[in-house]
Structure formats: C-alpha cells, structure tokens
Amino acid sequence: MKNRLVAVSLLLAAGLFFGGRLKAGPTDEKVTLELLNPMGVIELEPYLALRPRLSDYSAKKIALVHNIKPGVQQLFDILEEMLKQKYPGVTIQRGFNPGIPAQAQEEHFKEIAKGCDAFVYAMGD
C-alpha cells in the first residue's frame, strides 16, 4: 500500500514537472472570430394606442377605479372635488379592482367603461 502511494505520487510529480515544460507549437490553422453585439435585437409587440382625449368633461360620466392601495381614497376625494369644480355637471363613478386574474380584469374594466365617458385607473406599488 505504501509503495503504491509512493508510485502514484511520483507519477503525479513527474506529470506536473514535464507537463508544464511541454508547449504547443505554432499552427497553420486559420482562426475565425465572430463579434457579437451584446445589445441584441428586441422585437416590439404591437400596442394599443390611447383613445383621443375628450374636448370637454362637463356633463360627462367619469369612472375612478383603483387597486385598493393605501391613500387612493384621499387621492380620489381630491380629484373628484377638482373635477366637479372645473367641469359643471360631471358625474363620478367610483370602483375598484377586486383582485381578479388579468383576463377577468379586462372584462371587469370593459363593463365599467361601457357606462362612462372617461376612465381613470390609479394603482400603487
């Protein structure tokens, strides 16, 4: 067992000693390098354009919808007051996002928007 350990140690030492002295010689092979752009190319998905703004909000119905974050009630209280001062006859409808999946949210928002002229969505995070 001791002789075997000595033999393995000598082989490893010889390999390290002679292996370090061997050098690769020059080759005649042609090397081709390819330069890549790390920025890549991003294909943009089509998006929906915003609808045109209303020319006047007087006598219009505006939905104020939120995702139930702290402070939104105070924000909407102030916004409602400002809208009513600036646009006579404006009607405010309040609502919230009930925490439903994305596909259902779209239907929920469409249902609210059907009865309104404008739709304001406030979210936190």
N, C-alpha and C. Protein backbone atom coordinates (compact mmCIF):
# COMPACT_ATOMS: atom_id res chain seq x y z
N MET A 1 0.84 -1.19 0.00
CA MET A 1 0.00 0.00 0.00
C MET A 1 0.88 1.25 0.00
N LYS A 2 1.95 1.23 0.84
CA LYS A 2 2.85 2.38 0.92
C LYS A 2 3.59 2.55 -0.40
N ASN A 3 4.00 1.43 -1.01
CA ASN A 3 4.71 1.50 -2.29
C ASN A 3 3.80 2.06 -3.39
N ARG A 4 2.56 1.65 -3.33
CA ARG A 4 1.60 2.14 -4.32
C ARG A 4 1.40 3.65 -4.19
N LEU A 5 1.30 4.17 -2.96
CA LEU A 5 1.14 5.60 -2.71
C LEU A 5 2.35 6.37 -3.20
N VAL A 6 3.54 5.83 -2.98
CA VAL A 6 4.77 6.48 -3.44
C VAL A 6 4.80 6.50 -4.96
N ALA A 7 4.40 5.41 -5.60
CA ALA A 7 4.42 5.34 -7.07
C ALA A 7 3.46 6.34 -7.67
N VAL A 8 2.28 6.43 -7.12
CA VAL A 8 1.28 7.39 -7.63
C VAL A 8 1.77 8.81 -7.43
N SER A 9 2.37 9.08 -6.29
CA SER A 9 2.90 10.42 -6.02
C SER A 9 4.00 10.78 -7.00
N LEU A 10 4.91 9.83 -7.29
CA LEU A 10 5.99 10.08 -8.24
C LEU A 10 5.44 10.33 -9.65
N LEU A 11 4.43 9.56 -10.04
CA LEU A 11 3.82 9.77 -11.35
C LEU A 11 3.18 11.14 -11.46
N LEU A 12 2.48 11.55 -10.42
CA LEU A 12 1.85 12.89 -10.42
C LEU A 12 2.90 13.99 -10.48
N ALA A 13 3.96 13.85 -9.70
CA ALA A 13 5.02 14.86 -9.70
C ALA A 13 5.68 14.94 -11.07
N ALA A 14 5.94 13.78 -11.68
CA ALA A 14 6.56 13.76 -13.00
C ALA A 14 5.64 14.40 -14.03
N GLY A 15 4.37 14.08 -13.93
CA GLY A 15 3.42 14.66 -14.86
C GLY A 15 3.35 16.17 -14.75
N LEU A 16 3.37 16.67 -13.54
CA LEU A 16 3.33 18.12 -13.34
C LEU A 16 4.63 18.77 -13.84
N PHE A 17 5.74 18.12 -13.58
CA PHE A 17 7.04 18.69 -13.96
C PHE A 17 7.18 18.73 -15.48
N PHE A 18 6.96 17.58 -16.12
CA PHE A 18 7.15 17.52 -17.56
C PHE A 18 5.97 18.12 -18.33
N GLY A 19 4.80 18.04 -17.77
CA GLY A 19 3.64 18.61 -18.43
C GLY A 19 3.72 20.11 -18.54
N GLY A 20 4.31 20.75 -17.56
CA GLY A 20 4.46 22.19 -17.59
C GLY A 20 5.49 22.65 -18.59
N ARG A 21 6.44 21.75 -18.99
CA ARG A 21 7.51 22.13 -19.91
C ARG A 21 7.10 21.98 -21.36
N LEU A 22 6.07 21.18 -21.62
CA LEU A 22 5.64 20.99 -22.99
C LEU A 22 4.84 22.21 -23.43
N LYS A 23 5.17 22.72 -24.59
CA LYS A 23 4.48 23.89 -25.11
C LYS A 23 3.91 23.57 -26.47
N ALA A 24 2.78 24.14 -26.73
CA ALA A 24 2.16 23.95 -28.04
C ALA A 24 2.91 24.80 -29.05
N GLY A 25 3.20 24.24 -30.17
CA GLY A 25 3.90 24.97 -31.22
C GLY A 25 2.92 25.74 -32.07
N PRO A 26 3.43 26.62 -32.89
CA PRO A 26 2.55 27.40 -33.76
C PRO A 26 1.86 26.48 -34.76
N THR A 27 0.63 26.84 -35.08
CA THR A 27 -0.13 26.03 -36.04
C THR A 27 -0.41 26.86 -37.27
N ASP A 28 -0.67 26.18 -38.33
CA ASP A 28 -1.01 26.86 -39.58
C ASP A 28 -2.52 26.99 -39.76
N GLU A 29 -3.28 26.58 -38.75
CA GLU A 29 -4.73 26.65 -38.86
C GLU A 29 -5.20 28.10 -38.77
N LYS A 30 -6.17 28.44 -39.59
CA LYS A 30 -6.74 29.78 -39.59
C LYS A 30 -7.80 29.87 -38.50
N VAL A 31 -7.76 30.92 -37.73
CA VAL A 31 -8.73 31.13 -36.66
C VAL A 31 -9.70 32.23 -37.10
N THR A 32 -10.98 31.95 -36.96
CA THR A 32 -12.01 32.94 -37.29
C THR A 32 -12.78 33.28 -36.02
N LEU A 33 -12.86 34.55 -35.73
CA LEU A 33 -13.61 35.02 -34.57
C LEU A 33 -14.86 35.73 -35.05
N GLU A 34 -15.95 35.55 -34.31
CA GLU A 34 -17.20 36.21 -34.64
C GLU A 34 -17.51 37.22 -33.55
N LEU A 35 -17.71 38.46 -33.93
CA LEU A 35 -18.02 39.52 -32.98
C LEU A 35 -19.53 39.63 -32.85
N LEU A 36 -20.04 39.54 -31.61
CA LEU A 36 -21.48 39.61 -31.37
C LEU A 36 -21.83 40.90 -30.66
N ASN A 37 -22.98 41.44 -30.97
CA ASN A 37 -23.48 42.64 -30.31
C ASN A 37 -24.21 42.21 -29.04
N PRO A 38 -23.74 42.61 -27.87
CA PRO A 38 -24.41 42.18 -26.63
C PRO A 38 -25.78 42.82 -26.42
N MET A 39 -26.09 43.85 -27.20
CA MET A 39 -27.39 44.51 -27.05
C MET A 39 -28.52 43.66 -27.62
N GLY A 40 -28.25 42.89 -28.63
CA GLY A 40 -29.29 42.05 -29.21
C GLY A 40 -30.32 42.87 -29.96
N VAL A 41 -31.32 42.20 -30.45
CA VAL A 41 -32.42 42.84 -31.19
C VAL A 41 -33.71 42.48 -30.48
N ILE A 42 -34.47 43.48 -30.16
CA ILE A 42 -35.73 43.27 -29.46
C ILE A 42 -36.87 43.60 -30.42
N GLU A 43 -37.71 42.62 -30.63
CA GLU A 43 -38.88 42.84 -31.46
C GLU A 43 -40.01 43.37 -30.58
N LEU A 44 -40.50 44.55 -30.89
CA LEU A 44 -41.57 45.15 -30.10
C LEU A 44 -42.92 44.57 -30.50
N GLU A 45 -43.72 44.29 -29.50
CA GLU A 45 -45.06 43.80 -29.77
C GLU A 45 -45.96 45.00 -30.10
N PRO A 46 -46.95 44.79 -30.94
CA PRO A 46 -47.86 45.90 -31.24
C PRO A 46 -48.62 46.31 -29.98
N TYR A 47 -48.91 47.57 -29.87
CA TYR A 47 -49.61 48.08 -28.69
C TYR A 47 -50.86 48.83 -29.12
N LEU A 48 -51.74 48.99 -28.16
CA LEU A 48 -52.96 49.74 -28.43
C LEU A 48 -52.70 51.23 -28.17
N ALA A 49 -53.10 52.04 -29.09
CA ALA A 49 -52.92 53.48 -28.91
C ALA A 49 -53.96 54.00 -27.92
N LEU A 50 -53.62 55.09 -27.26
CA LEU A 50 -54.58 55.73 -26.36
C LEU A 50 -55.72 56.32 -27.17
N ARG A 51 -56.88 56.29 -26.58
CA ARG A 51 -58.02 56.91 -27.25
C ARG A 51 -57.86 58.43 -27.18
N PRO A 52 -58.44 59.15 -28.11
CA PRO A 52 -58.33 60.61 -28.06
C PRO A 52 -58.98 61.17 -26.80
N ARG A 53 -58.41 62.24 -26.29
CA ARG A 53 -58.97 62.89 -25.10
C ARG A 53 -60.30 63.55 -25.42
N LEU A 54 -61.13 63.65 -24.41
CA LEU A 54 -62.39 64.38 -24.57
C LEU A 54 -62.08 65.87 -24.64
N SER A 55 -62.81 66.59 -25.45
CA SER A 55 -62.57 68.03 -25.56
C SER A 55 -63.11 68.78 -24.34
N ASP A 56 -64.17 68.23 -23.71
CA ASP A 56 -64.76 68.87 -22.54
C ASP A 56 -65.33 67.78 -21.63
N TYR A 57 -65.11 67.91 -20.35
CA TYR A 57 -65.59 66.91 -19.39
C TYR A 57 -66.90 67.33 -18.72
N SER A 58 -67.42 68.51 -19.06
CA SER A 58 -68.68 68.96 -18.48
C SER A 58 -69.80 68.00 -18.86
N ALA A 59 -70.64 67.67 -17.87
CA ALA A 59 -71.80 66.77 -18.06
C ALA A 59 -71.39 65.38 -18.54
N LYS A 60 -70.17 64.98 -18.25
CA LYS A 60 -69.69 63.64 -18.63
C LYS A 60 -69.65 62.76 -17.39
N LYS A 61 -69.65 61.46 -17.62
CA LYS A 61 -69.53 60.49 -16.52
C LYS A 61 -68.11 59.94 -16.53
N ILE A 62 -67.40 60.07 -15.39
CA ILE A 62 -66.01 59.64 -15.28
C ILE A 62 -65.90 58.55 -14.22
N ALA A 63 -65.30 57.44 -14.59
CA ALA A 63 -65.07 56.33 -13.65
C ALA A 63 -63.69 56.51 -13.01
N LEU A 64 -63.65 56.46 -11.69
CA LEU A 64 -62.38 56.48 -10.95
C LEU A 64 -62.22 55.09 -10.33
N VAL A 65 -61.24 54.35 -10.82
CA VAL A 65 -61.04 52.95 -10.41
C VAL A 65 -59.63 52.81 -9.84
N HIS A 66 -59.50 51.97 -8.81
CA HIS A 66 -58.19 51.79 -8.17
C HIS A 66 -57.98 50.35 -7.78
N ASN A 67 -56.73 50.04 -7.35
CA ASN A 67 -56.41 48.67 -6.95
C ASN A 67 -56.25 48.52 -5.43
N ILE A 68 -57.03 49.27 -4.69
CA ILE A 68 -57.16 49.15 -3.24
C ILE A 68 -55.83 49.34 -2.50
N LYS A 69 -55.07 50.37 -2.85
CA LYS A 69 -53.83 50.67 -2.14
C LYS A 69 -54.07 51.83 -1.17
N PRO A 70 -53.30 51.88 -0.10
CA PRO A 70 -53.48 52.97 0.87
C PRO A 70 -53.30 54.34 0.22
N GLY A 71 -54.14 55.27 0.60
CA GLY A 71 -54.04 56.64 0.12
C GLY A 71 -54.86 56.95 -1.12
N VAL A 72 -55.35 55.92 -1.79
CA VAL A 72 -56.08 56.17 -3.03
C VAL A 72 -57.43 56.84 -2.77
N GLN A 73 -58.07 56.53 -1.66
CA GLN A 73 -59.35 57.19 -1.34
C GLN A 73 -59.16 58.70 -1.23
N GLN A 74 -58.09 59.11 -0.53
CA GLN A 74 -57.82 60.55 -0.38
C GLN A 74 -57.50 61.17 -1.75
N LEU A 75 -56.74 60.46 -2.57
CA LEU A 75 -56.41 60.96 -3.91
C LEU A 75 -57.68 61.16 -4.72
N PHE A 76 -58.57 60.17 -4.71
CA PHE A 76 -59.80 60.27 -5.48
C PHE A 76 -60.76 61.30 -4.91
N ASP A 77 -60.75 61.50 -3.58
CA ASP A 77 -61.59 62.56 -2.98
C ASP A 77 -61.18 63.92 -3.56
N ILE A 78 -59.88 64.16 -3.59
CA ILE A 78 -59.37 65.45 -4.11
C ILE A 78 -59.64 65.56 -5.60
N LEU A 79 -59.37 64.49 -6.36
CA LEU A 79 -59.59 64.51 -7.80
C LEU A 79 -61.06 64.75 -8.13
N GLU A 80 -61.95 64.09 -7.40
CA GLU A 80 -63.38 64.27 -7.63
C GLU A 80 -63.79 65.72 -7.36
N GLU A 81 -63.30 66.29 -6.28
CA GLU A 81 -63.62 67.67 -5.94
C GLU A 81 -63.12 68.62 -7.03
N MET A 82 -61.90 68.40 -7.50
CA MET A 82 -61.33 69.26 -8.54
C MET A 82 -62.12 69.14 -9.85
N LEU A 83 -62.49 67.92 -10.22
CA LEU A 83 -63.25 67.73 -11.46
C LEU A 83 -64.62 68.40 -11.38
N LYS A 84 -65.28 68.29 -10.23
CA LYS A 84 -66.60 68.90 -10.08
C LYS A 84 -66.53 70.42 -10.08
N GLN A 85 -65.45 70.99 -9.56
CA GLN A 85 -65.28 72.44 -9.59
C GLN A 85 -65.02 72.94 -11.01
N LYS A 86 -64.19 72.22 -11.73
CA LYS A 86 -63.77 72.68 -13.06
C LYS A 86 -64.80 72.37 -14.14
N TYR A 87 -65.52 71.25 -14.02
CA TYR A 87 -66.46 70.82 -15.06
C TYR A 87 -67.86 70.65 -14.47
N PRO A 88 -68.73 71.63 -14.66
CA PRO A 88 -70.08 71.55 -14.11
C PRO A 88 -70.85 70.36 -14.68
N GLY A 89 -71.59 69.71 -13.82
CA GLY A 89 -72.44 68.61 -14.24
C GLY A 89 -71.71 67.28 -14.42
N VAL A 90 -70.42 67.24 -14.10
CA VAL A 90 -69.69 65.98 -14.23
C VAL A 90 -70.19 64.98 -13.18
N THR A 91 -70.28 63.72 -13.57
CA THR A 91 -70.71 62.66 -12.66
C THR A 91 -69.53 61.72 -12.44
N ILE A 92 -69.29 61.36 -11.19
CA ILE A 92 -68.17 60.48 -10.85
C ILE A 92 -68.71 59.13 -10.42
N GLN A 93 -68.17 58.08 -11.00
CA GLN A 93 -68.48 56.71 -10.59
C GLN A 93 -67.19 56.12 -10.03
N ARG A 94 -67.24 55.61 -8.81
CA ARG A 94 -66.04 55.01 -8.20
C ARG A 94 -66.13 53.51 -8.23
N GLY A 95 -64.97 52.89 -8.37
CA GLY A 95 -64.90 51.44 -8.37
C GLY A 95 -63.51 50.99 -7.98
N PHE A 96 -63.32 49.70 -7.89
CA PHE A 96 -62.00 49.18 -7.57
C PHE A 96 -61.78 47.87 -8.28
N ASN A 97 -60.52 47.51 -8.40
CA ASN A 97 -60.13 46.25 -8.99
C ASN A 97 -60.23 45.20 -7.90
N PRO A 98 -61.12 44.24 -8.01
CA PRO A 98 -61.35 43.29 -6.92
C PRO A 98 -60.29 42.20 -6.77
N GLY A 99 -59.11 42.37 -7.38
CA GLY A 99 -58.06 41.37 -7.24
C GLY A 99 -58.32 40.10 -8.01
N ILE A 100 -58.84 40.25 -9.20
CA ILE A 100 -59.16 39.10 -10.04
C ILE A 100 -58.05 38.90 -11.08
N PRO A 101 -57.98 37.72 -11.71
CA PRO A 101 -56.94 37.47 -12.72
C PRO A 101 -57.00 38.46 -13.87
N ALA A 102 -55.88 38.59 -14.59
CA ALA A 102 -55.75 39.59 -15.65
C ALA A 102 -56.84 39.51 -16.71
N GLN A 103 -57.19 38.31 -17.16
CA GLN A 103 -58.22 38.20 -18.19
C GLN A 103 -59.57 38.70 -17.68
N ALA A 104 -59.89 38.40 -16.45
CA ALA A 104 -61.15 38.85 -15.86
C ALA A 104 -61.12 40.36 -15.61
N GLN A 105 -59.94 40.90 -15.30
CA GLN A 105 -59.82 42.35 -15.08
C GLN A 105 -60.23 43.10 -16.34
N GLU A 106 -59.78 42.62 -17.48
CA GLU A 106 -60.11 43.29 -18.74
C GLU A 106 -61.62 43.35 -18.93
N GLU A 107 -62.29 42.26 -18.68
CA GLU A 107 -63.75 42.23 -18.81
C GLU A 107 -64.40 43.15 -17.78
N HIS A 108 -63.87 43.14 -16.54
CA HIS A 108 -64.39 44.00 -15.47
C HIS A 108 -64.27 45.48 -15.87
N PHE A 109 -63.10 45.85 -16.39
CA PHE A 109 -62.88 47.24 -16.80
C PHE A 109 -63.75 47.62 -17.99
N LYS A 110 -63.93 46.71 -18.93
CA LYS A 110 -64.79 46.99 -20.08
C LYS A 110 -66.22 47.25 -19.63
N GLU A 111 -66.66 46.48 -18.65
CA GLU A 111 -68.02 46.64 -18.13
C GLU A 111 -68.19 48.02 -17.49
N ILE A 112 -67.19 48.45 -16.71
CA ILE A 112 -67.24 49.79 -16.09
C ILE A 112 -67.21 50.86 -17.17
N ALA A 113 -66.32 50.69 -18.16
CA ALA A 113 -66.12 51.71 -19.19
C ALA A 113 -67.35 51.87 -20.10
N LYS A 114 -68.17 50.83 -20.22
CA LYS A 114 -69.35 50.93 -21.09
C LYS A 114 -70.27 52.08 -20.69
N GLY A 115 -70.41 52.30 -19.39
CA GLY A 115 -71.33 53.34 -18.93
C GLY A 115 -70.66 54.66 -18.64
N CYS A 116 -69.41 54.85 -19.09
CA CYS A 116 -68.68 56.08 -18.76
C CYS A 116 -68.09 56.72 -20.01
N ASP A 117 -67.82 58.01 -19.89
CA ASP A 117 -67.18 58.73 -20.99
C ASP A 117 -65.65 58.74 -20.83
N ALA A 118 -65.19 58.63 -19.59
CA ALA A 118 -63.75 58.62 -19.31
C ALA A 118 -63.47 57.64 -18.17
N PHE A 119 -62.26 57.10 -18.14
CA PHE A 119 -61.91 56.06 -17.20
C PHE A 119 -60.53 56.40 -16.63
N VAL A 120 -60.43 56.55 -15.30
CA VAL A 120 -59.16 56.84 -14.64
C VAL A 120 -58.83 55.65 -13.77
N TYR A 121 -57.62 55.10 -13.92
CA TYR A 121 -57.20 53.96 -13.11
C TYR A 121 -55.96 54.35 -12.32
N ALA A 122 -56.05 54.23 -11.00
CA ALA A 122 -54.91 54.53 -10.14
C ALA A 122 -54.43 53.25 -9.51
N MET A 123 -53.10 53.03 -9.52
CA MET A 123 -52.56 51.82 -8.90
C MET A 123 -51.30 52.15 -8.12
N GLY A 124 -51.03 51.33 -7.11
CA GLY A 124 -49.85 51.52 -6.29
C GLY A 124 -48.84 50.42 -6.55
N ASP A 125 -47.73 50.49 -5.86
CA ASP A 125 -46.60 49.57 -5.93
C ASP A 125 -45.68 50.06 -6.97
